[in-house]
Amino acid sequence: VKVGAGVVHGYRGEYRDKIPFNGSGYAPAIVAAVGYCYLRLCSEIV
């Protein structure tokens, strides 16, 4: 299981309220992923 965090930029105009905490055009983002590796082949769902 992986958890990634970063900053989202570019939601302006009519899309400004689509993500929370987007007052200045920048908003925090967190994504989760679950993966499985078999031998050298890995697959992941984000």
ModelCIF file with pLDDT and N, C-alpha, C, O atoms, coordinates in Angstrom:
data_MODEL
#
_entry.id   MODEL 
#
_entity.id                         1 
_entity.type                       polymer 
_entity.pdbx_number_of_molecules   1 
#
_entity_poly.entity_id                      1 
_entity_poly.type                           'polypeptide(L)' 
_entity_poly.nstd_linkage                   no 
_entity_poly.nstd_monomer                   no 
_entity_poly.pdbx_seq_one_letter_code       VKVGAGVVHGYRGEYRDKIPFNGSGYAPAIVAAVGYCYLRLCSEIV 
_entity_poly.pdbx_seq_one_letter_code_can   VKVGAGVVHGYRGEYRDKIPFNGSGYAPAIVAAVGYCYLRLCSEIV 
_entity_poly.pdbx_strand_id                 A 
#
loop_
_entity_poly_seq.entity_id 
_entity_poly_seq.num 
_entity_poly_seq.mon_id 
_entity_poly_seq.hetero 
1 1  VAL n 
1 2  LYS n 
1 3  VAL n 
1 4  GLY n 
1 5  ALA n 
1 6  GLY n 
1 7  VAL n 
1 8  VAL n 
1 9  HIS n 
1 10 GLY n 
1 11 TYR n 
1 12 ARG n 
1 13 GLY n 
1 14 GLU n 
1 15 TYR n 
1 16 ARG n 
1 17 ASP n 
1 18 LYS n 
1 19 ILE n 
1 20 PRO n 
1 21 PHE n 
1 22 ASN n 
1 23 GLY n 
1 24 SER n 
1 25 GLY n 
1 26 TYR n 
1 27 ALA n 
1 28 PRO n 
1 29 ALA n 
1 30 ILE n 
1 31 VAL n 
1 32 ALA n 
1 33 ALA n 
1 34 VAL n 
1 35 GLY n 
1 36 TYR n 
1 37 CYS n 
1 38 TYR n 
1 39 LEU n 
1 40 ARG n 
1 41 LEU n 
1 42 CYS n 
1 43 SER n 
1 44 GLU n 
1 45 ILE n 
1 46 VAL n 
#
_struct_asym.id          A 
_struct_asym.entity_id   1 
#
loop_
_ma_qa_metric.id 
_ma_qa_metric.mode 
_ma_qa_metric.name 
_ma_qa_metric.software_group_id 
_ma_qa_metric.type 
1 global pLDDT . pLDDT 
2 local  pLDDT . pLDDT 
#
_ma_qa_metric_global.metric_id      1 
_ma_qa_metric_global.metric_value   87.46 
_ma_qa_metric_global.model_id       1 
_ma_qa_metric_global.ordinal_id     1 
#
loop_
_ma_qa_metric_local.label_asym_id 
_ma_qa_metric_local.label_comp_id 
_ma_qa_metric_local.label_seq_id 
_ma_qa_metric_local.metric_id 
_ma_qa_metric_local.metric_value 
_ma_qa_metric_local.model_id 
_ma_qa_metric_local.ordinal_id 
A VAL 1  2 94.00 1 1  
A LYS 2  2 94.00 1 2  
A VAL 3  2 95.00 1 3  
A GLY 4  2 93.00 1 4  
A ALA 5  2 94.00 1 5  
A GLY 6  2 92.00 1 6  
A VAL 7  2 92.00 1 7  
A VAL 8  2 87.00 1 8  
A HIS 9  2 86.00 1 9  
A GLY 10 2 76.00 1 10 
A TYR 11 2 75.00 1 11 
A ARG 12 2 76.00 1 12 
A GLY 13 2 77.00 1 13 
A GLU 14 2 80.00 1 14 
A TYR 15 2 73.00 1 15 
A ARG 16 2 75.00 1 16 
A ASP 17 2 78.00 1 17 
A LYS 18 2 77.00 1 18 
A ILE 19 2 79.00 1 19 
A PRO 20 2 80.00 1 20 
A PHE 21 2 82.00 1 21 
A ASN 22 2 82.00 1 22 
A GLY 23 2 78.00 1 23 
A SER 24 2 80.00 1 24 
A GLY 25 2 81.00 1 25 
A TYR 26 2 87.00 1 26 
A ALA 27 2 87.00 1 27 
A PRO 28 2 90.00 1 28 
A ALA 29 2 88.00 1 29 
A ILE 30 2 89.00 1 30 
A VAL 31 2 91.00 1 31 
A ALA 32 2 93.00 1 32 
A ALA 33 2 95.00 1 33 
A VAL 34 2 96.00 1 34 
A GLY 35 2 96.00 1 35 
A TYR 36 2 96.00 1 36 
A CYS 37 2 94.00 1 37 
A TYR 38 2 93.00 1 38 
A LEU 39 2 90.00 1 39 
A ARG 40 2 91.00 1 40 
A LEU 41 2 94.00 1 41 
A CYS 42 2 94.00 1 42 
A SER 43 2 96.00 1 43 
A GLU 44 2 96.00 1 44 
A ILE 45 2 97.00 1 45 
A VAL 46 2 94.00 1 46 
#
loop_
_atom_site.group_PDB 
_atom_site.id 
_atom_site.type_symbol 
_atom_site.label_atom_id 
_atom_site.label_alt_id 
_atom_site.label_comp_id 
_atom_site.label_asym_id 
_atom_site.label_entity_id 
_atom_site.label_seq_id 
_atom_site.pdbx_PDB_ins_code 
_atom_site.Cartn_x 
_atom_site.Cartn_y 
_atom_site.Cartn_z 
_atom_site.occupancy 
_atom_site.B_iso_or_equiv 
_atom_site.pdbx_formal_charge 
_atom_site.auth_seq_id 
_atom_site.auth_comp_id 
_atom_site.auth_asym_id 
_atom_site.auth_atom_id 
_atom_site.pdbx_PDB_model_num 
ATOM 1   N N  . VAL A 1 1  ? 0.869   -1.181  0.000   1.00 94.00 ? 1  VAL A N  1 
ATOM 2   C CA . VAL A 1 1  ? 0.000   0.000   0.000   1.00 94.00 ? 1  VAL A CA 1 
ATOM 3   C C  . VAL A 1 1  ? 0.903   1.227   0.000   1.00 94.00 ? 1  VAL A C  1 
ATOM 4   O O  . VAL A 1 1  ? 1.896   1.270   0.725   1.00 94.00 ? 1  VAL A O  1 
ATOM 5   N N  . LYS A 1 2  ? 0.557   2.224   -0.814  1.00 94.00 ? 2  LYS A N  1 
ATOM 6   C CA . LYS A 1 2  ? 1.323   3.472   -0.867  1.00 94.00 ? 2  LYS A CA 1 
ATOM 7   C C  . LYS A 1 2  ? 0.384   4.651   -0.668  1.00 94.00 ? 2  LYS A C  1 
ATOM 8   O O  . LYS A 1 2  ? -0.785  4.596   -1.052  1.00 94.00 ? 2  LYS A O  1 
ATOM 9   N N  . VAL A 1 3  ? 0.892   5.700   -0.075  1.00 95.00 ? 3  VAL A N  1 
ATOM 10  C CA . VAL A 1 3  ? 0.168   6.961   0.052   1.00 95.00 ? 3  VAL A CA 1 
ATOM 11  C C  . VAL A 1 3  ? 1.092   8.061   -0.453  1.00 95.00 ? 3  VAL A C  1 
ATOM 12  O O  . VAL A 1 3  ? 2.236   8.176   -0.013  1.00 95.00 ? 3  VAL A O  1 
ATOM 13  N N  . GLY A 1 4  ? 0.589   8.862   -1.372  1.00 93.00 ? 4  GLY A N  1 
ATOM 14  C CA . GLY A 1 4  ? 1.368   9.965   -1.927  1.00 93.00 ? 4  GLY A CA 1 
ATOM 15  C C  . GLY A 1 4  ? 0.676   11.288  -1.655  1.00 93.00 ? 4  GLY A C  1 
ATOM 16  O O  . GLY A 1 4  ? -0.551  11.351  -1.579  1.00 93.00 ? 4  GLY A O  1 
ATOM 17  N N  . ALA A 1 5  ? 1.456   12.333  -1.511  1.00 94.00 ? 5  ALA A N  1 
ATOM 18  C CA . ALA A 1 5  ? 0.896   13.661  -1.237  1.00 94.00 ? 5  ALA A CA 1 
ATOM 19  C C  . ALA A 1 5  ? 1.622   14.691  -2.098  1.00 94.00 ? 5  ALA A C  1 
ATOM 20  O O  . ALA A 1 5  ? 2.788   14.527  -2.456  1.00 94.00 ? 5  ALA A O  1 
ATOM 21  N N  . GLY A 1 6  ? 0.894   15.749  -2.412  1.00 92.00 ? 6  GLY A N  1 
ATOM 22  C CA . GLY A 1 6  ? 1.486   16.800  -3.213  1.00 92.00 ? 6  GLY A CA 1 
ATOM 23  C C  . GLY A 1 6  ? 0.557   17.991  -3.317  1.00 92.00 ? 6  GLY A C  1 
ATOM 24  O O  . GLY A 1 6  ? -0.366  18.148  -2.519  1.00 92.00 ? 6  GLY A O  1 
ATOM 25  N N  . VAL A 1 7  ? 0.810   18.823  -4.304  1.00 92.00 ? 7  VAL A N  1 
ATOM 26  C CA . VAL A 1 7  ? 0.021   20.038  -4.509  1.00 92.00 ? 7  VAL A CA 1 
ATOM 27  C C  . VAL A 1 7  ? -0.591  19.999  -5.910  1.00 92.00 ? 7  VAL A C  1 
ATOM 28  O O  . VAL A 1 7  ? 0.085   19.679  -6.888  1.00 92.00 ? 7  VAL A O  1 
ATOM 29  N N  . VAL A 1 8  ? -1.881  20.330  -5.988  1.00 87.00 ? 8  VAL A N  1 
ATOM 30  C CA . VAL A 1 8  ? -2.594  20.399  -7.264  1.00 87.00 ? 8  VAL A CA 1 
ATOM 31  C C  . VAL A 1 8  ? -2.726  21.863  -7.644  1.00 87.00 ? 8  VAL A C  1 
ATOM 32  O O  . VAL A 1 8  ? -3.040  22.706  -6.803  1.00 87.00 ? 8  VAL A O  1 
ATOM 33  N N  . HIS A 1 9  ? -2.484  22.165  -8.927  1.00 86.00 ? 9  HIS A N  1 
ATOM 34  C CA . HIS A 1 9  ? -2.562  23.542  -9.407  1.00 86.00 ? 9  HIS A CA 1 
ATOM 35  C C  . HIS A 1 9  ? -3.327  23.573  -10.727 1.00 86.00 ? 9  HIS A C  1 
ATOM 36  O O  . HIS A 1 9  ? -3.212  22.646  -11.528 1.00 86.00 ? 9  HIS A O  1 
ATOM 37  N N  . GLY A 1 10 ? -4.097  24.618  -10.958 1.00 76.00 ? 10 GLY A N  1 
ATOM 38  C CA . GLY A 1 10 ? -4.731  24.787  -12.253 1.00 76.00 ? 10 GLY A CA 1 
ATOM 39  C C  . GLY A 1 10 ? -6.240  24.746  -12.249 1.00 76.00 ? 10 GLY A C  1 
ATOM 40  O O  . GLY A 1 10 ? -6.851  24.975  -13.294 1.00 76.00 ? 10 GLY A O  1 
ATOM 41  N N  . TYR A 1 11 ? -6.870  24.467  -11.126 1.00 75.00 ? 11 TYR A N  1 
ATOM 42  C CA . TYR A 1 11 ? -8.327  24.458  -11.065 1.00 75.00 ? 11 TYR A CA 1 
ATOM 43  C C  . TYR A 1 11 ? -8.816  25.890  -10.864 1.00 75.00 ? 11 TYR A C  1 
ATOM 44  O O  . TYR A 1 11 ? -8.808  26.407  -9.747  1.00 75.00 ? 11 TYR A O  1 
ATOM 45  N N  . ARG A 1 12 ? -9.242  26.525  -11.958 1.00 76.00 ? 12 ARG A N  1 
ATOM 46  C CA . ARG A 1 12 ? -9.678  27.920  -11.918 1.00 76.00 ? 12 ARG A CA 1 
ATOM 47  C C  . ARG A 1 12 ? -11.058 28.047  -12.548 1.00 76.00 ? 12 ARG A C  1 
ATOM 48  O O  . ARG A 1 12 ? -11.593 27.087  -13.103 1.00 76.00 ? 12 ARG A O  1 
ATOM 49  N N  . GLY A 1 13 ? -11.619 29.235  -12.455 1.00 77.00 ? 13 GLY A N  1 
ATOM 50  C CA . GLY A 1 13 ? -12.905 29.519  -13.087 1.00 77.00 ? 13 GLY A CA 1 
ATOM 51  C C  . GLY A 1 13 ? -14.022 28.656  -12.527 1.00 77.00 ? 13 GLY A C  1 
ATOM 52  O O  . GLY A 1 13 ? -14.210 28.586  -11.313 1.00 77.00 ? 13 GLY A O  1 
ATOM 53  N N  . GLU A 1 14 ? -14.761 28.000  -13.408 1.00 80.00 ? 14 GLU A N  1 
ATOM 54  C CA . GLU A 1 14 ? -15.909 27.201  -12.973 1.00 80.00 ? 14 GLU A CA 1 
ATOM 55  C C  . GLU A 1 14 ? -15.489 25.942  -12.210 1.00 80.00 ? 14 GLU A C  1 
ATOM 56  O O  . GLU A 1 14 ? -16.310 25.351  -11.509 1.00 80.00 ? 14 GLU A O  1 
ATOM 57  N N  . TYR A 1 15 ? -14.225 25.522  -12.334 1.00 73.00 ? 15 TYR A N  1 
ATOM 58  C CA . TYR A 1 15 ? -13.737 24.313  -11.651 1.00 73.00 ? 15 TYR A CA 1 
ATOM 59  C C  . TYR A 1 15 ? -13.074 24.612  -10.307 1.00 73.00 ? 15 TYR A C  1 
ATOM 60  O O  . TYR A 1 15 ? -12.600 23.694  -9.638  1.00 73.00 ? 15 TYR A O  1 
ATOM 61  N N  . ARG A 1 16 ? -13.035 25.861  -9.912  1.00 75.00 ? 16 ARG A N  1 
ATOM 62  C CA . ARG A 1 16 ? -12.330 26.270  -8.700  1.00 75.00 ? 16 ARG A CA 1 
ATOM 63  C C  . ARG A 1 16 ? -12.847 25.574  -7.442  1.00 75.00 ? 16 ARG A C  1 
ATOM 64  O O  . ARG A 1 16 ? -12.059 25.232  -6.561  1.00 75.00 ? 16 ARG A O  1 
ATOM 65  N N  . ASP A 1 17 ? -14.160 25.359  -7.348  1.00 78.00 ? 17 ASP A N  1 
ATOM 66  C CA . ASP A 1 17 ? -14.741 24.743  -6.152  1.00 78.00 ? 17 ASP A CA 1 
ATOM 67  C C  . ASP A 1 17 ? -14.845 23.223  -6.243  1.00 78.00 ? 17 ASP A C  1 
ATOM 68  O O  . ASP A 1 17 ? -15.482 22.605  -5.390  1.00 78.00 ? 17 ASP A O  1 
ATOM 69  N N  . LYS A 1 18 ? -14.244 22.614  -7.242  1.00 77.00 ? 18 LYS A N  1 
ATOM 70  C CA . LYS A 1 18 ? -14.312 21.158  -7.397  1.00 77.00 ? 18 LYS A CA 1 
ATOM 71  C C  . LYS A 1 18 ? -13.413 20.421  -6.408  1.00 77.00 ? 18 LYS A C  1 
ATOM 72  O O  . LYS A 1 18 ? -13.662 19.255  -6.103  1.00 77.00 ? 18 LYS A O  1 
ATOM 73  N N  . ILE A 1 19 ? -12.380 21.077  -5.905  1.00 79.00 ? 19 ILE A N  1 
ATOM 74  C CA . ILE A 1 19 ? -11.510 20.463  -4.915  1.00 79.00 ? 19 ILE A CA 1 
ATOM 75  C C  . ILE A 1 19 ? -11.467 21.355  -3.672  1.00 79.00 ? 19 ILE A C  1 
ATOM 76  O O  . ILE A 1 19 ? -11.502 22.579  -3.797  1.00 79.00 ? 19 ILE A O  1 
ATOM 77  N N  . PRO A 1 20 ? -11.392 20.767  -2.482  1.00 80.00 ? 20 PRO A N  1 
ATOM 78  C CA . PRO A 1 20 ? -11.369 21.555  -1.253  1.00 80.00 ? 20 PRO A CA 1 
ATOM 79  C C  . PRO A 1 20 ? -10.053 22.321  -1.069  1.00 80.00 ? 20 PRO A C  1 
ATOM 80  O O  . PRO A 1 20 ? -9.028  21.942  -1.634  1.00 80.00 ? 20 PRO A O  1 
ATOM 81  N N  . PHE A 1 21 ? -10.085 23.375  -0.295  1.00 82.00 ? 21 PHE A N  1 
ATOM 82  C CA . PHE A 1 21 ? -8.912  24.188  0.072   1.00 82.00 ? 21 PHE A CA 1 
ATOM 83  C C  . PHE A 1 21 ? -8.233  24.822  -1.141  1.00 82.00 ? 21 PHE A C  1 
ATOM 84  O O  . PHE A 1 21 ? -7.015  24.999  -1.141  1.00 82.00 ? 21 PHE A O  1 
ATOM 85  N N  . ASN A 1 22 ? -9.007  25.166  -2.177  1.00 82.00 ? 22 ASN A N  1 
ATOM 86  C CA . ASN A 1 22 ? -8.445  25.710  -3.404  1.00 82.00 ? 22 ASN A CA 1 
ATOM 87  C C  . ASN A 1 22 ? -8.652  27.220  -3.483  1.00 82.00 ? 22 ASN A C  1 
ATOM 88  O O  . ASN A 1 22 ? -9.006  27.731  -4.546  1.00 82.00 ? 22 ASN A O  1 
ATOM 89  N N  . GLY A 1 23 ? -8.443  27.935  -2.404  1.00 78.00 ? 23 GLY A N  1 
ATOM 90  C CA . GLY A 1 23 ? -8.671  29.368  -2.387  1.00 78.00 ? 23 GLY A CA 1 
ATOM 91  C C  . GLY A 1 23 ? -7.717  30.159  -3.259  1.00 78.00 ? 23 GLY A C  1 
ATOM 92  O O  . GLY A 1 23 ? -8.125  31.148  -3.866  1.00 78.00 ? 23 GLY A O  1 
ATOM 93  N N  . SER A 1 24 ? -6.453  29.753  -3.339  1.00 80.00 ? 24 SER A N  1 
ATOM 94  C CA . SER A 1 24 ? -5.444  30.508  -4.091  1.00 80.00 ? 24 SER A CA 1 
ATOM 95  C C  . SER A 1 24 ? -5.083  29.871  -5.434  1.00 80.00 ? 24 SER A C  1 
ATOM 96  O O  . SER A 1 24 ? -4.182  30.357  -6.118  1.00 80.00 ? 24 SER A O  1 
ATOM 97  N N  . GLY A 1 25 ? -5.763  28.803  -5.820  1.00 81.00 ? 25 GLY A N  1 
ATOM 98  C CA . GLY A 1 25 ? -5.415  28.100  -7.046  1.00 81.00 ? 25 GLY A CA 1 
ATOM 99  C C  . GLY A 1 25 ? -4.496  26.917  -6.808  1.00 81.00 ? 25 GLY A C  1 
ATOM 100 O O  . GLY A 1 25 ? -4.233  26.146  -7.730  1.00 81.00 ? 25 GLY A O  1 
ATOM 101 N N  . TYR A 1 26 ? -4.006  26.760  -5.592  1.00 87.00 ? 26 TYR A N  1 
ATOM 102 C CA . TYR A 1 26 ? -3.180  25.631  -5.183  1.00 87.00 ? 26 TYR A CA 1 
ATOM 103 C C  . TYR A 1 26 ? -3.902  24.899  -4.075  1.00 87.00 ? 26 TYR A C  1 
ATOM 104 O O  . TYR A 1 26 ? -4.459  25.536  -3.181  1.00 87.00 ? 26 TYR A O  1 
ATOM 105 N N  . ALA A 1 27 ? -3.909  23.574  -4.109  1.00 87.00 ? 27 ALA A N  1 
ATOM 106 C CA . ALA A 1 27 ? -4.594  22.802  -3.082  1.00 87.00 ? 27 ALA A CA 1 
ATOM 107 C C  . ALA A 1 27 ? -3.799  21.539  -2.766  1.00 87.00 ? 27 ALA A C  1 
ATOM 108 O O  . ALA A 1 27 ? -3.144  20.989  -3.651  1.00 87.00 ? 27 ALA A O  1 
ATOM 109 N N  . PRO A 1 28 ? -3.845  21.068  -1.512  1.00 90.00 ? 28 PRO A N  1 
ATOM 110 C CA . PRO A 1 28 ? -3.161  19.822  -1.172  1.00 90.00 ? 28 PRO A CA 1 
ATOM 111 C C  . PRO A 1 28 ? -3.909  18.627  -1.762  1.00 90.00 ? 28 PRO A C  1 
ATOM 112 O O  . PRO A 1 28 ? -5.132  18.650  -1.896  1.00 90.00 ? 28 PRO A O  1 
ATOM 113 N N  . ALA A 1 29 ? -3.162  17.596  -2.108  1.00 88.00 ? 29 ALA A N  1 
ATOM 114 C CA . ALA A 1 29 ? -3.761  16.379  -2.664  1.00 88.00 ? 29 ALA A CA 1 
ATOM 115 C C  . ALA A 1 29 ? -3.111  15.154  -2.038  1.00 88.00 ? 29 ALA A C  1 
ATOM 116 O O  . ALA A 1 29 ? -1.904  15.130  -1.797  1.00 88.00 ? 29 ALA A O  1 
ATOM 117 N N  . ILE A 1 30 ? -3.919  14.147  -1.780  1.00 89.00 ? 30 ILE A N  1 
ATOM 118 C CA . ILE A 1 30 ? -3.439  12.874  -1.248  1.00 89.00 ? 30 ILE A CA 1 
ATOM 119 C C  . ILE A 1 30 ? -4.034  11.767  -2.108  1.00 89.00 ? 30 ILE A C  1 
ATOM 120 O O  . ILE A 1 30 ? -5.242  11.744  -2.344  1.00 89.00 ? 30 ILE A O  1 
ATOM 121 N N  . VAL A 1 31 ? -3.201  10.857  -2.573  1.00 91.00 ? 31 VAL A N  1 
ATOM 122 C CA . VAL A 1 31 ? -3.664  9.711   -3.349  1.00 91.00 ? 31 VAL A CA 1 
ATOM 123 C C  . VAL A 1 31 ? -3.184  8.432   -2.683  1.00 91.00 ? 31 VAL A C  1 
ATOM 124 O O  . VAL A 1 31 ? -2.093  8.392   -2.115  1.00 91.00 ? 31 VAL A O  1 
ATOM 125 N N  . ALA A 1 32 ? -3.997  7.391   -2.753  1.00 93.00 ? 32 ALA A N  1 
ATOM 126 C CA . ALA A 1 32 ? -3.660  6.090   -2.185  1.00 93.00 ? 32 ALA A CA 1 
ATOM 127 C C  . ALA A 1 32 ? -3.537  5.071   -3.304  1.00 93.00 ? 32 ALA A C  1 
ATOM 128 O O  . ALA A 1 32 ? -4.216  5.172   -4.326  1.00 93.00 ? 32 ALA A O  1 
ATOM 129 N N  . ALA A 1 33 ? -2.670  4.091   -3.106  1.00 95.00 ? 33 ALA A N  1 
ATOM 130 C CA . ALA A 1 33 ? -2.461  3.050   -4.101  1.00 95.00 ? 33 ALA A CA 1 
ATOM 131 C C  . ALA A 1 33 ? -2.301  1.705   -3.412  1.00 95.00 ? 33 ALA A C  1 
ATOM 132 O O  . ALA A 1 33 ? -1.760  1.614   -2.310  1.00 95.00 ? 33 ALA A O  1 
ATOM 133 N N  . VAL A 1 34 ? -2.781  0.663   -4.081  1.00 96.00 ? 34 VAL A N  1 
ATOM 134 C CA . VAL A 1 34 ? -2.598  -0.716  -3.638  1.00 96.00 ? 34 VAL A CA 1 
ATOM 135 C C  . VAL A 1 34 ? -1.965  -1.466  -4.796  1.00 96.00 ? 34 VAL A C  1 
ATOM 136 O O  . VAL A 1 34 ? -2.433  -1.373  -5.931  1.00 96.00 ? 34 VAL A O  1 
ATOM 137 N N  . GLY A 1 35 ? -0.905  -2.209  -4.514  1.00 96.00 ? 35 GLY A N  1 
ATOM 138 C CA . GLY A 1 35 ? -0.206  -2.900  -5.579  1.00 96.00 ? 35 GLY A CA 1 
ATOM 139 C C  . GLY A 1 35 ? 0.159   -4.315  -5.215  1.00 96.00 ? 35 GLY A C  1 
ATOM 140 O O  . GLY A 1 35 ? 0.125   -4.718  -4.052  1.00 96.00 ? 35 GLY A O  1 
ATOM 141 N N  . TYR A 1 36 ? 0.512   -5.065  -6.254  1.00 96.00 ? 36 TYR A N  1 
ATOM 142 C CA . TYR A 1 36 ? 0.933   -6.448  -6.080  1.00 96.00 ? 36 TYR A CA 1 
ATOM 143 C C  . TYR A 1 36 ? 2.024   -6.761  -7.099  1.00 96.00 ? 36 TYR A C  1 
ATOM 144 O O  . TYR A 1 36 ? 1.902   -6.411  -8.273  1.00 96.00 ? 36 TYR A O  1 
ATOM 145 N N  . CYS A 1 37 ? 3.086   -7.420  -6.651  1.00 94.00 ? 37 CYS A N  1 
ATOM 146 C CA . CYS A 1 37 ? 4.175   -7.825  -7.539  1.00 94.00 ? 37 CYS A CA 1 
ATOM 147 C C  . CYS A 1 37 ? 4.269   -9.352  -7.582  1.00 94.00 ? 37 CYS A C  1 
ATOM 148 O O  . CYS A 1 37 ? 4.242   -10.021 -6.549  1.00 94.00 ? 37 CYS A O  1 
ATOM 149 N N  . TYR A 1 38 ? 4.380   -9.879  -8.792  1.00 93.00 ? 38 TYR A N  1 
ATOM 150 C CA . TYR A 1 38 ? 4.602   -11.301 -9.001  1.00 93.00 ? 38 TYR A CA 1 
ATOM 151 C C  . TYR A 1 38 ? 5.875   -11.435 -9.830  1.00 93.00 ? 38 TYR A C  1 
ATOM 152 O O  . TYR A 1 38 ? 5.931   -11.003 -10.982 1.00 93.00 ? 38 TYR A O  1 
ATOM 153 N N  . LEU A 1 39 ? 6.886   -12.036 -9.231  1.00 90.00 ? 39 LEU A N  1 
ATOM 154 C CA . LEU A 1 39 ? 8.215   -12.085 -9.828  1.00 90.00 ? 39 LEU A CA 1 
ATOM 155 C C  . LEU A 1 39 ? 8.665   -10.659 -10.136 1.00 90.00 ? 39 LEU A C  1 
ATOM 156 O O  . LEU A 1 39 ? 8.858   -9.883  -9.201  1.00 90.00 ? 39 LEU A O  1 
ATOM 157 N N  . ARG A 1 40 ? 8.841   -10.275 -11.403 1.00 91.00 ? 40 ARG A N  1 
ATOM 158 C CA . ARG A 1 40 ? 9.256   -8.908  -11.741 1.00 91.00 ? 40 ARG A CA 1 
ATOM 159 C C  . ARG A 1 40 ? 8.112   -8.062  -12.286 1.00 91.00 ? 40 ARG A C  1 
ATOM 160 O O  . ARG A 1 40 ? 8.312   -6.886  -12.588 1.00 91.00 ? 40 ARG A O  1 
ATOM 161 N N  . LEU A 1 41 ? 6.921   -8.634  -12.416 1.00 94.00 ? 41 LEU A N  1 
ATOM 162 C CA . LEU A 1 41 ? 5.761   -7.931  -12.952 1.00 94.00 ? 41 LEU A CA 1 
ATOM 163 C C  . LEU A 1 41 ? 4.938   -7.347  -11.807 1.00 94.00 ? 41 LEU A C  1 
ATOM 164 O O  . LEU A 1 41 ? 4.500   -8.078  -10.918 1.00 94.00 ? 41 LEU A O  1 
ATOM 165 N N  . CYS A 1 42 ? 4.728   -6.030  -11.827 1.00 94.00 ? 42 CYS A N  1 
ATOM 166 C CA . CYS A 1 42 ? 3.985   -5.351  -10.761 1.00 94.00 ? 42 CYS A CA 1 
ATOM 167 C C  . CYS A 1 42 ? 2.777   -4.632  -11.344 1.00 94.00 ? 42 CYS A C  1 
ATOM 168 O O  . CYS A 1 42 ? 2.831   -4.091  -12.449 1.00 94.00 ? 42 CYS A O  1 
ATOM 169 N N  . SER A 1 43 ? 1.703   -4.637  -10.595 1.00 96.00 ? 43 SER A N  1 
ATOM 170 C CA . SER A 1 43 ? 0.487   -3.934  -10.989 1.00 96.00 ? 43 SER A CA 1 
ATOM 171 C C  . SER A 1 43 ? -0.004  -3.127  -9.793  1.00 96.00 ? 43 SER A C  1 
ATOM 172 O O  . SER A 1 43 ? 0.172   -3.526  -8.642  1.00 96.00 ? 43 SER A O  1 
ATOM 173 N N  . GLU A 1 44 ? -0.622  -1.986  -10.086 1.00 96.00 ? 44 GLU A N  1 
ATOM 174 C CA . GLU A 1 44 ? -1.025  -1.069  -9.019  1.00 96.00 ? 44 GLU A CA 1 
ATOM 175 C C  . GLU A 1 44 ? -2.326  -0.368  -9.401  1.00 96.00 ? 44 GLU A C  1 
ATOM 176 O O  . GLU A 1 44 ? -2.537  -0.032  -10.566 1.00 96.00 ? 44 GLU A O  1 
ATOM 177 N N  . ILE A 1 45 ? -3.186  -0.152  -8.427  1.00 97.00 ? 45 ILE A N  1 
ATOM 178 C CA . ILE A 1 45 ? -4.398  0.637   -8.622  1.00 97.00 ? 45 ILE A CA 1 
ATOM 179 C C  . ILE A 1 45 ? -4.268  1.881   -7.754  1.00 97.00 ? 45 ILE A C  1 
ATOM 180 O O  . ILE A 1 45 ? -4.103  1.790   -6.537  1.00 97.00 ? 45 ILE A O  1 
ATOM 181 N N  . VAL A 1 46 ? -4.344  3.052   -8.397  1.00 94.00 ? 46 VAL A N  1 
ATOM 182 C CA . VAL A 1 46 ? -4.245  4.343   -7.714  1.00 94.00 ? 46 VAL A CA 1 
ATOM 183 C C  . VAL A 1 46 ? -5.637  4.961   -7.707  1.00 94.00 ? 46 VAL A C  1 
ATOM 184 O O  . VAL A 1 46 ? -5.821  6.061   -7.185  1.00 94.00 ? 46 VAL A O  1 
#
